[in-house]
C-alpha atoms as a PDB file:
ATOM      1  CA  UNK A   1     116.550-160.771  44.504  1.00  0.00           C
ATOM      2  CA  UNK A   2     116.488-157.350  46.180  1.00  0.00           C
ATOM      3  CA  UNK A   3     120.264-157.141  45.830  1.00  0.00           C
ATOM      4  CA  UNK A   4     120.029-157.736  42.080  1.00  0.00           C
ATOM      5  CA  UNK A   5     117.332-155.064  41.790  1.00  0.00           C
ATOM      6  CA  UNK A   6     119.506-152.625  43.748  1.00  0.00           C
ATOM      7  CA  UNK A   7     122.536-153.318  41.529  1.00  0.00           C
ATOM      8  CA  UNK A   8     120.479-152.868  38.365  1.00  0.00           C
ATOM      9  CA  UNK A   9     119.046-149.612  39.731  1.00  0.00           C
ATOM     10  CA  UNK A  10     122.511-148.263  40.547  1.00  0.00           C
ATOM     11  CA  UNK A  11     123.830-149.210  37.119  1.00  0.00           C
ATOM     12  CA  UNK A  12     120.895-147.583  35.374  1.00  0.00           C
ATOM     13  CA  UNK A  13     121.170-144.446  37.477  1.00  0.00           C
ATOM     14  CA  UNK A  14     124.853-144.067  36.636  1.00  0.00           C
ATOM     15  CA  UNK A  15     124.124-144.618  32.939  1.00  0.00           C
ATOM     16  CA  UNK A  16     121.388-142.004  32.988  1.00  0.00           C
ATOM     17  CA  UNK A  17     123.689-139.443  34.581  1.00  0.00           C
ATOM     18  CA  UNK A  18     126.459-140.029  32.047  1.00  0.00           C
ATOM     19  CA  UNK A  19     127.258-136.983  29.973  1.00  0.00           C
ATOM     20  CA  UNK A  20     125.988-137.218  26.434  1.00  0.00           C
ATOM     21  CA  UNK A  21     128.428-135.751  23.972  1.00  0.00           C
ATOM     22  CA  UNK A  22     127.404-133.769  20.940  1.00  0.00           C
ATOM     23  CA  UNK A  23     128.549-136.632  18.707  1.00  0.00           C
ATOM     24  CA  UNK A  24     126.495-139.123  20.751  1.00  0.00           C
ATOM     25  CA  UNK A  25     123.427-136.931  20.418  1.00  0.00           C
ATOM     26  CA  UNK A  26     123.913-136.390  16.682  1.00  0.00           C
ATOM     27  CA  UNK A  27     124.416-140.111  16.098  1.00  0.00           C
ATOM     28  CA  UNK A  28     121.336-141.026  18.135  1.00  0.00           C
ATOM     29  CA  UNK A  29     119.290-138.315  16.429  1.00  0.00           C
ATOM     30  CA  UNK A  30     120.318-139.507  12.987  1.00  0.00           C
ATOM     31  CA  UNK A  31     119.544-143.109  13.882  1.00  0.00           C
ATOM     32  CA  UNK A  32     116.161-142.147  15.347  1.00  0.00           C
ATOM     33  CA  UNK A  33     115.296-140.105  12.282  1.00  0.00           C
ATOM     34  CA  UNK A  34     116.336-142.955   9.958  1.00  0.00           C
ATOM     35  CA  UNK A  35     114.307-145.455  11.988  1.00  0.00           C
ATOM     36  CA  UNK A  36     111.183-143.292  12.019  1.00  0.00           C
ATOM     37  CA  UNK A  37     111.444-142.821   8.252  1.00  0.00           C
ATOM     38  CA  UNK A  38     112.002-146.523   7.498  1.00  0.00           C
ATOM     39  CA  UNK A  39     109.314-148.441   5.669  1.00  0.00           C
ATOM     40  CA  UNK A  40     108.657-150.734   8.617  1.00  0.00           C
ATOM     41  CA  UNK A  41     108.312-147.827  11.030  1.00  0.00           C
ATOM     42  CA  UNK A  42     106.032-145.840   8.697  1.00  0.00           C
ATOM     43  CA  UNK A  43     103.837-148.939   8.347  1.00  0.00           C
ATOM     44  CA  UNK A  44     103.688-149.333  12.130  1.00  0.00           C
ATOM     45  CA  UNK A  45     102.917-145.635  12.612  1.00  0.00           C
ATOM     46  CA  UNK A  46     100.148-145.902  10.045  1.00  0.00           C
ATOM     47  CA  UNK A  47      98.552-148.817  11.891  1.00  0.00           C
ATOM     48  CA  UNK A  48      98.779-146.998  15.244  1.00  0.00           C
ATOM     49  CA  UNK A  49      97.259-143.811  13.818  1.00  0.00           C
ATOM     50  CA  UNK A  50      94.406-145.730  12.157  1.00  0.00           C
ATOM     51  CA  UNK A  51      93.697-147.711  15.340  1.00  0.00           C
ATOM     52  CA  UNK A  52      93.788-144.699  17.677  1.00  0.00           C
ATOM     53  CA  UNK A  53      92.244-141.926  15.611  1.00  0.00           C
ATOM     54  CA  UNK A  54      89.802-143.338  13.112  1.00  0.00           C
ATOM     55  CA  UNK A  55      87.318-145.214  15.353  1.00  0.00           C
ATOM     56  CA  UNK A  56      86.432-141.936  17.088  1.00  0.00           C
ATOM     57  CA  UNK A  57      85.466-140.094  13.912  1.00  0.00           C
ATOM     58  CA  UNK A  58      82.190-139.877  12.003  1.00  0.00           C
ATOM     59  CA  UNK A  59      83.823-141.430   8.926  1.00  0.00           C
ATOM     60  CA  UNK A  60      86.307-144.060  10.138  1.00  0.00           C
ATOM     61  CA  UNK A  61      86.705-145.531   6.651  1.00  0.00           C
ATOM     62  CA  UNK A  62      87.540-142.133   5.177  1.00  0.00           C
ATOM     63  CA  UNK A  63      89.998-141.509   7.995  1.00  0.00           C
ATOM     64  CA  UNK A  64      91.702-144.828   7.372  1.00  0.00           C
ATOM     65  CA  UNK A  65      91.923-144.156   3.644  1.00  0.00           C
ATOM     66  CA  UNK A  66      93.397-140.712   4.266  1.00  0.00           C
ATOM     67  CA  UNK A  67      95.996-141.936   6.740  1.00  0.00           C
ATOM     68  CA  UNK A  68      96.991-144.876   4.567  1.00  0.00           C
ATOM     69  CA  UNK A  69      97.244-142.582   1.543  1.00  0.00           C
ATOM     70  CA  UNK A  70      99.077-139.652   3.061  1.00  0.00           C
ATOM     71  CA  UNK A  71     101.010-140.654   6.200  1.00  0.00           C
ATOM     72  CA  UNK A  72     104.136-141.908   4.403  1.00  0.00           C
ATOM     73  CA  UNK A  73     104.468-138.573   2.586  1.00  0.00           C
ATOM     74  CA  UNK A  74     103.742-136.571   5.731  1.00  0.00           C
ATOM     75  CA  UNK A  75     106.394-138.503   7.665  1.00  0.00           C
ATOM     76  CA  UNK A  76     108.925-138.085   4.854  1.00  0.00           C
ATOM     77  CA  UNK A  77     108.342-134.326   4.857  1.00  0.00           C
ATOM     78  CA  UNK A  78     108.059-133.891   8.636  1.00  0.00           C
ATOM     79  CA  UNK A  79     110.818-135.995  10.196  1.00  0.00           C
ATOM     80  CA  UNK A  80     113.783-134.382   8.393  1.00  0.00           C
ATOM     81  CA  UNK A  81     112.611-130.935   9.529  1.00  0.00           C
ATOM     82  CA  UNK A  82     111.287-131.501  13.040  1.00  0.00           C
ATOM     83  CA  UNK A  83     113.830-134.139  14.041  1.00  0.00           C
ATOM     84  CA  UNK A  84     116.918-132.679  12.376  1.00  0.00           C
ATOM     85  CA  UNK A  85     119.684-133.934  14.688  1.00  0.00           C
ATOM     86  CA  UNK A  86     121.698-130.705  14.762  1.00  0.00           C
ATOM     87  CA  UNK A  87     118.694-128.611  15.756  1.00  0.00           C
ATOM     88  CA  UNK A  88     117.415-131.115  18.315  1.00  0.00           C
ATOM     89  CA  UNK A  89     120.824-131.601  19.929  1.00  0.00           C
ATOM     90  CA  UNK A  90     121.346-127.846  20.008  1.00  0.00           C
ATOM     91  CA  UNK A  91     117.969-127.358  21.680  1.00  0.00           C
ATOM     92  CA  UNK A  92     118.832-130.036  24.240  1.00  0.00           C
ATOM     93  CA  UNK A  93     122.175-128.264  24.790  1.00  0.00           C
ATOM     94  CA  UNK A  94     124.094-131.430  23.934  1.00  0.00           C
ATOM     95  CA  UNK A  95     125.782-129.435  21.196  1.00  0.00           C
ATOM     96  CA  UNK A  96     126.827-125.896  21.887  1.00  0.00           C
ATOM     97  CA  UNK A  97     125.640-123.554  19.173  1.00  0.00           C
ATOM     98  CA  UNK A  98     128.159-120.886  18.298  1.00  0.00           C
ATOM     99  CA  UNK A  99     126.706-117.456  17.777  1.00  0.00           C
ATOM    100  CA  UNK A 100     126.711-115.877  14.356  1.00  0.00           C
ATOM    101  CA  UNK A 101     127.657-112.482  15.749  1.00  0.00           C
ATOM    102  CA  UNK A 102     131.201-111.843  16.864  1.00  0.00           C
ATOM    103  CA  UNK A 103     131.662-110.483  20.343  1.00  0.00           C
ATOM    104  CA  UNK A 104     133.912-107.428  20.671  1.00  0.00           C
END
């Protein structure tokens, strides 16, 4: 059993160290963004937000109504901006950003 655990650990470590290409990052980022904006994911996010945030507030029912009313629109507006794959991959240095200014 320890041998299997050691082999799995080595395989995972080598996978983690693998270089992520710009295309890999952009593809993953696009897939993540699409998943987070999907109807099923928005519904799950809504349930998590209601369960975690609303019980702590003075007006849990109002909180729940607000989240259920507005979260889908907030997610639709937020995810394309804050999780834009090109910007995220550039920030993570998976994609090299070329400067706008020419060097002499």
